[in-house]
Amino acid sequence: MSFLAAFLYYPYYEGFHILTLLANWVKLVCFNFPFAFFSQLFFIQPLVRTCFKAIFRRNGADTETAGA
């Protein structure tokens, strides 16, 4: 996704060079990584965990009677 952004926002008026594209991509990765990491860690992961617990919850009574 960062590579696509680096390709779309490349300064084409200066001419195209692959090293400039790679440098822009590395710069975008460095800018995006802290936000992506901490949002995943503190917001997205707990939300997804809660949703999966709600969807795939097992009732305690059902598991106890199935084992007996």
PDB file of N, CA and C in Angstrom:
ATOM      1  N   MET A   1       0.822  -1.178   0.000  1.00  0.00           N
ATOM      2  CA  MET A   1       0.000   0.000   0.000  1.00  0.00           C
ATOM      3  C   MET A   1       0.876   1.255   0.000  1.00  0.00           C
ATOM      4  N   SER A   2       1.960   1.224   0.761  1.00  0.00           N
ATOM      5  CA  SER A   2       2.879   2.356   0.742  1.00  0.00           C
ATOM      6  C   SER A   2       3.577   2.460  -0.601  1.00  0.00           C
ATOM      7  N   PHE A   3       3.852   1.310  -1.227  1.00  0.00           N
ATOM      8  CA  PHE A   3       4.496   1.351  -2.541  1.00  0.00           C
ATOM      9  C   PHE A   3       3.565   1.950  -3.578  1.00  0.00           C
ATOM     10  N   LEU A   4       2.286   1.626  -3.499  1.00  0.00           N
ATOM     11  CA  LEU A   4       1.315   2.210  -4.417  1.00  0.00           C
ATOM     12  C   LEU A   4       1.222   3.717  -4.216  1.00  0.00           C
ATOM     13  N   ALA A   5       1.230   4.165  -2.970  1.00  0.00           N
ATOM     14  CA  ALA A   5       1.215   5.601  -2.696  1.00  0.00           C
ATOM     15  C   ALA A   5       2.493   6.261  -3.193  1.00  0.00           C
ATOM     16  N   ALA A   6       3.629   5.616  -3.028  1.00  0.00           N
ATOM     17  CA  ALA A   6       4.886   6.167  -3.528  1.00  0.00           C
ATOM     18  C   ALA A   6       4.859   6.271  -5.043  1.00  0.00           C
ATOM     19  N   PHE A   7       4.246   5.309  -5.700  1.00  0.00           N
ATOM     20  CA  PHE A   7       4.151   5.339  -7.157  1.00  0.00           C
ATOM     21  C   PHE A   7       3.175   6.409  -7.636  1.00  0.00           C
ATOM     22  N   LEU A   8       2.037   6.549  -6.936  1.00  0.00           N
ATOM     23  CA  LEU A   8       1.032   7.529  -7.363  1.00  0.00           C
ATOM     24  C   LEU A   8       1.455   8.971  -7.089  1.00  0.00           C
ATOM     25  N   TYR A   9       2.168   9.194  -6.005  1.00  0.00           N
ATOM     26  CA  TYR A   9       2.575  10.552  -5.641  1.00  0.00           C
ATOM     27  C   TYR A   9       4.027  10.838  -6.004  1.00  0.00           C
ATOM     28  N   TYR A  10       4.557  10.120  -6.971  1.00  0.00           N
ATOM     29  CA  TYR A  10       5.927  10.326  -7.423  1.00  0.00           C
ATOM     30  C   TYR A  10       6.032  11.669  -8.157  1.00  0.00           C
ATOM     31  N   PRO A  11       7.105  12.440  -7.950  1.00  0.00           N
ATOM     32  CA  PRO A  11       7.251  13.729  -8.662  1.00  0.00           C
ATOM     33  C   PRO A  11       7.712  13.509 -10.107  1.00  0.00           C
ATOM     34  N   TYR A  12       6.767  13.217 -10.982  1.00  0.00           N
ATOM     35  CA  TYR A  12       7.103  12.884 -12.366  1.00  0.00           C
ATOM     36  C   TYR A  12       7.677  14.068 -13.139  1.00  0.00           C
ATOM     37  N   TYR A  13       7.439  15.286 -12.703  1.00  0.00           N
ATOM     38  CA  TYR A  13       7.969  16.460 -13.406  1.00  0.00           C
ATOM     39  C   TYR A  13       9.488  16.524 -13.335  1.00  0.00           C
ATOM     40  N   GLU A  14      10.096  15.794 -12.396  1.00  0.00           N
ATOM     41  CA  GLU A  14      11.550  15.744 -12.279  1.00  0.00           C
ATOM     42  C   GLU A  14      12.137  14.593 -13.091  1.00  0.00           C
ATOM     43  N   GLY A  15      11.309  13.820 -13.763  1.00  0.00           N
ATOM     44  CA  GLY A  15      11.773  12.633 -14.465  1.00  0.00           C
ATOM     45  C   GLY A  15      11.621  11.417 -13.563  1.00  0.00           C
ATOM     46  N   PHE A  16      11.702  10.243 -14.153  1.00  0.00           N
ATOM     47  CA  PHE A  16      11.507   9.010 -13.381  1.00  0.00           C
ATOM     48  C   PHE A  16      12.848   8.338 -13.136  1.00  0.00           C
ATOM     49  N   HIS A  17      13.089   7.955 -11.899  1.00  0.00           N
ATOM     50  CA  HIS A  17      14.269   7.172 -11.551  1.00  0.00           C
ATOM     51  C   HIS A  17      13.873   6.196 -10.457  1.00  0.00           C
ATOM     52  N   ILE A  18      14.280   4.955 -10.622  1.00  0.00           N
ATOM     53  CA  ILE A  18      13.849   3.899  -9.707  1.00  0.00           C
ATOM     54  C   ILE A  18      14.359   4.124  -8.289  1.00  0.00           C
ATOM     55  N   LEU A  19      15.557   4.693  -8.137  1.00  0.00           N
ATOM     56  CA  LEU A  19      16.079   4.933  -6.793  1.00  0.00           C
ATOM     57  C   LEU A  19      15.276   6.004  -6.053  1.00  0.00           C
ATOM     58  N   THR A  20      14.800   6.999  -6.788  1.00  0.00           N
ATOM     59  CA  THR A  20      13.946   8.018  -6.169  1.00  0.00           C
ATOM     60  C   THR A  20      12.629   7.401  -5.722  1.00  0.00           C
ATOM     61  N   LEU A  21      12.087   6.505  -6.527  1.00  0.00           N
ATOM     62  CA  LEU A  21      10.854   5.810  -6.150  1.00  0.00           C
ATOM     63  C   LEU A  21      11.071   4.977  -4.891  1.00  0.00           C
ATOM     64  N   LEU A  22      12.167   4.249  -4.827  1.00  0.00           N
ATOM     65  CA  LEU A  22      12.446   3.433  -3.642  1.00  0.00           C
ATOM     66  C   LEU A  22      12.698   4.296  -2.411  1.00  0.00           C
ATOM     67  N   ALA A  23      13.372   5.437  -2.592  1.00  0.00           N
ATOM     68  CA  ALA A  23      13.606   6.341  -1.468  1.00  0.00           C
ATOM     69  C   ALA A  23      12.291   6.916  -0.957  1.00  0.00           C
ATOM     70  N   ASN A  24      11.392   7.277  -1.866  1.00  0.00           N
ATOM     71  CA  ASN A  24      10.073   7.779  -1.456  1.00  0.00           C
ATOM     72  C   ASN A  24       9.276   6.694  -0.746  1.00  0.00           C
ATOM     73  N   TRP A  25       9.406   5.448  -1.200  1.00  0.00           N
ATOM     74  CA  TRP A  25       8.699   4.349  -0.564  1.00  0.00           C
ATOM     75  C   TRP A  25       9.209   4.118   0.858  1.00  0.00           C
ATOM     76  N   VAL A  26      10.528   4.133   1.043  1.00  0.00           N
ATOM     77  CA  VAL A  26      11.101   3.949   2.378  1.00  0.00           C
ATOM     78  C   VAL A  26      10.665   5.087   3.301  1.00  0.00           C
ATOM     79  N   LYS A  27      10.631   6.308   2.775  1.00  0.00           N
ATOM     80  CA  LYS A  27      10.182   7.449   3.566  1.00  0.00           C
ATOM     81  C   LYS A  27       8.722   7.273   4.004  1.00  0.00           C
ATOM     82  N   LEU A  28       7.866   6.832   3.094  1.00  0.00           N
ATOM     83  CA  LEU A  28       6.463   6.613   3.443  1.00  0.00           C
ATOM     84  C   LEU A  28       6.297   5.486   4.462  1.00  0.00           C
ATOM     85  N   VAL A  29       7.078   4.428   4.331  1.00  0.00           N
ATOM     86  CA  VAL A  29       7.014   3.330   5.299  1.00  0.00           C
ATOM     87  C   VAL A  29       7.411   3.831   6.687  1.00  0.00           C
ATOM     88  N   CYS A  30       8.460   4.649   6.746  1.00  0.00           N
ATOM     89  CA  CYS A  30       8.903   5.189   8.037  1.00  0.00           C
ATOM     90  C   CYS A  30       7.863   6.124   8.644  1.00  0.00           C
ATOM     91  N   PHE A  31       7.157   6.863   7.808  1.00  0.00           N
ATOM     92  CA  PHE A  31       6.107   7.746   8.322  1.00  0.00           C
ATOM     93  C   PHE A  31       4.878   6.962   8.768  1.00  0.00           C
ATOM     94  N   ASN A  32       4.523   5.909   8.050  1.00  0.00           N
ATOM     95  CA  ASN A  32       3.286   5.173   8.318  1.00  0.00           C
ATOM     96  C   ASN A  32       3.427   4.123   9.413  1.00  0.00           C
ATOM     97  N   PHE A  33       4.626   3.593   9.612  1.00  0.00           N
ATOM     98  CA  PHE A  33       4.795   2.481  10.539  1.00  0.00           C
ATOM     99  C   PHE A  33       4.364   2.792  11.968  1.00  0.00           C
ATOM    100  N   PRO A  34       4.773   3.926  12.568  1.00  0.00           N
ATOM    101  CA  PRO A  34       4.361   4.160  13.965  1.00  0.00           C
ATOM    102  C   PRO A  34       2.842   4.221  14.138  1.00  0.00           C
ATOM    103  N   PHE A  35       2.160   4.924  13.250  1.00  0.00           N
ATOM    104  CA  PHE A  35       0.704   5.003  13.361  1.00  0.00           C
ATOM    105  C   PHE A  35       0.071   3.637  13.149  1.00  0.00           C
ATOM    106  N   ALA A  36       0.512   2.916  12.123  1.00  0.00           N
ATOM    107  CA  ALA A  36      -0.078   1.605  11.835  1.00  0.00           C
ATOM    108  C   ALA A  36       0.176   0.621  12.969  1.00  0.00           C
ATOM    109  N   PHE A  37       1.371   0.637  13.527  1.00  0.00           N
ATOM    110  CA  PHE A  37       1.713  -0.294  14.594  1.00  0.00           C
ATOM    111  C   PHE A  37       0.881  -0.047  15.843  1.00  0.00           C
ATOM    112  N   PHE A  38       0.833   1.214  16.293  1.00  0.00           N
ATOM    113  CA  PHE A  38       0.128   1.500  17.539  1.00  0.00           C
ATOM    114  C   PHE A  38      -1.393   1.452  17.378  1.00  0.00           C
ATOM    115  N   SER A  39      -1.910   1.797  16.212  1.00  0.00           N
ATOM    116  CA  SER A  39      -3.353   1.653  16.019  1.00  0.00           C
ATOM    117  C   SER A  39      -3.738   0.178  15.991  1.00  0.00           C
ATOM    118  N   GLN A  40      -2.898  -0.658  15.379  1.00  0.00           N
ATOM    119  CA  GLN A  40      -3.155  -2.100  15.386  1.00  0.00           C
ATOM    120  C   GLN A  40      -3.095  -2.653  16.802  1.00  0.00           C
ATOM    121  N   LEU A  41      -2.115  -2.212  17.548  1.00  0.00           N
ATOM    122  CA  LEU A  41      -1.878  -2.753  18.883  1.00  0.00           C
ATOM    123  C   LEU A  41      -2.959  -2.348  19.877  1.00  0.00           C
ATOM    124  N   PHE A  42      -3.419  -1.106  19.833  1.00  0.00           N
ATOM    125  CA  PHE A  42      -4.311  -0.597  20.868  1.00  0.00           C
ATOM    126  C   PHE A  42      -5.771  -0.458  20.452  1.00  0.00           C
ATOM    127  N   PHE A  43      -6.081  -0.404  19.158  1.00  0.00           N
ATOM    128  CA  PHE A  43      -7.467  -0.194  18.739  1.00  0.00           C
ATOM    129  C   PHE A  43      -8.022  -1.356  17.922  1.00  0.00           C
ATOM    130  N   ILE A  44      -7.330  -1.729  16.872  1.00  0.00           N
ATOM    131  CA  ILE A  44      -7.868  -2.714  15.936  1.00  0.00           C
ATOM    132  C   ILE A  44      -7.858  -4.116  16.533  1.00  0.00           C
ATOM    133  N   GLN A  45      -6.749  -4.525  17.125  1.00  0.00           N
ATOM    134  CA  GLN A  45      -6.653  -5.871  17.679  1.00  0.00           C
ATOM    135  C   GLN A  45      -7.681  -6.126  18.791  1.00  0.00           C
ATOM    136  N   PRO A  46      -7.860  -5.222  19.769  1.00  0.00           N
ATOM    137  CA  PRO A  46      -8.898  -5.477  20.775  1.00  0.00           C
ATOM    138  C   PRO A  46     -10.308  -5.505  20.190  1.00  0.00           C
ATOM    139  N   LEU A  47     -10.566  -4.669  19.190  1.00  0.00           N
ATOM    140  CA  LEU A  47     -11.889  -4.669  18.562  1.00  0.00           C
ATOM    141  C   LEU A  47     -12.148  -5.998  17.856  1.00  0.00           C
ATOM    142  N   VAL A  48     -11.187  -6.469  17.085  1.00  0.00           N
ATOM    143  CA  VAL A  48     -11.360  -7.737  16.375  1.00  0.00           C
ATOM    144  C   VAL A  48     -11.473  -8.892  17.359  1.00  0.00           C
ATOM    145  N   ARG A  49     -10.696  -8.879  18.428  1.00  0.00           N
ATOM    146  CA  ARG A  49     -10.771  -9.939  19.441  1.00  0.00           C
ATOM    147  C   ARG A  49     -12.150  -9.968  20.084  1.00  0.00           C
ATOM    148  N   THR A  50     -12.703  -8.798  20.395  1.00  0.00           N
ATOM    149  CA  THR A  50     -14.030  -8.720  20.995  1.00  0.00           C
ATOM    150  C   THR A  50     -15.100  -9.228  20.028  1.00  0.00           C
ATOM    151  N   CYS A  51     -14.970  -8.852  18.762  1.00  0.00           N
ATOM    152  CA  CYS A  51     -15.948  -9.317  17.765  1.00  0.00           C
ATOM    153  C   CYS A  51     -15.896 -10.835  17.609  1.00  0.00           C
ATOM    154  N   PHE A  52     -14.699 -11.400  17.558  1.00  0.00           N
ATOM    155  CA  PHE A  52     -14.587 -12.851  17.421  1.00  0.00           C
ATOM    156  C   PHE A  52     -15.094 -13.569  18.664  1.00  0.00           C
ATOM    157  N   LYS A  53     -14.867 -13.007  19.830  1.00  0.00           N
ATOM    158  CA  LYS A  53     -15.404 -13.621  21.042  1.00  0.00           C
ATOM    159  C   LYS A  53     -16.923 -13.608  21.021  1.00  0.00           C
ATOM    160  N   ALA A  54     -17.514 -12.529  20.534  1.00  0.00           N
ATOM    161  CA  ALA A  54     -18.972 -12.445  20.476  1.00  0.00           C
ATOM    162  C   ALA A  54     -19.547 -13.402  19.434  1.00  0.00           C
ATOM    163  N   ILE A  55     -18.859 -13.564  18.322  1.00  0.00           N
ATOM    164  CA  ILE A  55     -19.371 -14.423  17.255  1.00  0.00           C
ATOM    165  C   ILE A  55     -19.199 -15.896  17.589  1.00  0.00           C
ATOM    166  N   PHE A  56     -18.035 -16.264  18.099  1.00  0.00           N
ATOM    167  CA  PHE A  56     -17.718 -17.671  18.308  1.00  0.00           C
ATOM    168  C   PHE A  56     -17.765 -18.064  19.779  1.00  0.00           C
ATOM    169  N   ARG A  57     -18.624 -17.419  20.537  1.00  0.00           N
ATOM    170  CA  ARG A  57     -18.766 -17.727  21.956  1.00  0.00           C
ATOM    171  C   ARG A  57     -19.445 -19.082  22.122  1.00  0.00           C
ATOM    172  N   ARG A  58     -18.941 -19.847  23.060  1.00  0.00           N
ATOM    173  CA  ARG A  58     -19.569 -21.126  23.389  1.00  0.00           C
ATOM    174  C   ARG A  58     -20.242 -20.985  24.735  1.00  0.00           C
ATOM    175  N   ASN A  59     -21.404 -21.527  24.841  1.00  0.00           N
ATOM    176  CA  ASN A  59     -22.103 -21.501  26.119  1.00  0.00           C
ATOM    177  C   ASN A  59     -21.502 -22.557  27.041  1.00  0.00           C
ATOM    178  N   GLY A  60     -21.344 -22.209  28.307  1.00  0.00           N
ATOM    179  CA  GLY A  60     -20.765 -23.127  29.273  1.00  0.00           C
ATOM    180  C   GLY A  60     -21.601 -24.377  29.455  1.00  0.00           C
ATOM    181  N   ALA A  61     -22.919 -24.255  29.412  1.00  0.00           N
ATOM    182  CA  ALA A  61     -23.814 -25.399  29.581  1.00  0.00           C
ATOM    183  C   ALA A  61     -23.695 -26.352  28.415  1.00  0.00           C
ATOM    184  N   ASP A  62     -23.509 -25.844  27.220  1.00  0.00           N
ATOM    185  CA  ASP A  62     -23.407 -26.715  26.045  1.00  0.00           C
ATOM    186  C   ASP A  62     -22.131 -27.539  26.076  1.00  0.00           C
ATOM    187  N   THR A  63     -21.044 -26.954  26.521  1.00  0.00           N
ATOM    188  CA  THR A  63     -19.780 -27.704  26.540  1.00  0.00           C
ATOM    189  C   THR A  63     -19.764 -28.739  27.648  1.00  0.00           C
ATOM    190  N   GLU A  64     -20.428 -28.460  28.769  1.00  0.00           N
ATOM    191  CA  GLU A  64     -20.449 -29.418  29.867  1.00  0.00           C
ATOM    192  C   GLU A  64     -21.310 -30.637  29.534  1.00  0.00           C
ATOM    193  N   THR A  65     -22.432 -30.426  28.872  1.00  0.00           N
ATOM    194  CA  THR A  65     -23.304 -31.560  28.541  1.00  0.00           C
ATOM    195  C   THR A  65     -22.734 -32.365  27.379  1.00  0.00           C
ATOM    196  N   ALA A  66     -21.950 -31.736  26.517  1.00  0.00           N
ATOM    197  CA  ALA A  66     -21.378 -32.471  25.407  1.00  0.00           C
ATOM    198  C   ALA A  66     -20.307 -33.451  25.893  1.00  0.00           C
ATOM    199  N   GLY A  67     -19.608 -33.092  26.956  1.00  0.00           N
ATOM    200  CA  GLY A  67     -18.549 -33.979  27.471  1.00  0.00           C
ATOM    201  C   GLY A  67     -19.105 -35.118  28.300  1.00  0.00           C
ATOM    202  N   ALA A  68     -20.312 -35.026  28.802  1.00  0.00           N
ATOM    203  CA  ALA A  68     -20.864 -36.051  29.700  1.00  0.00           C
ATOM    204  C   ALA A  68     -21.530 -37.180  28.959  1.00  0.00           C
TER     205      ALA A  68
END
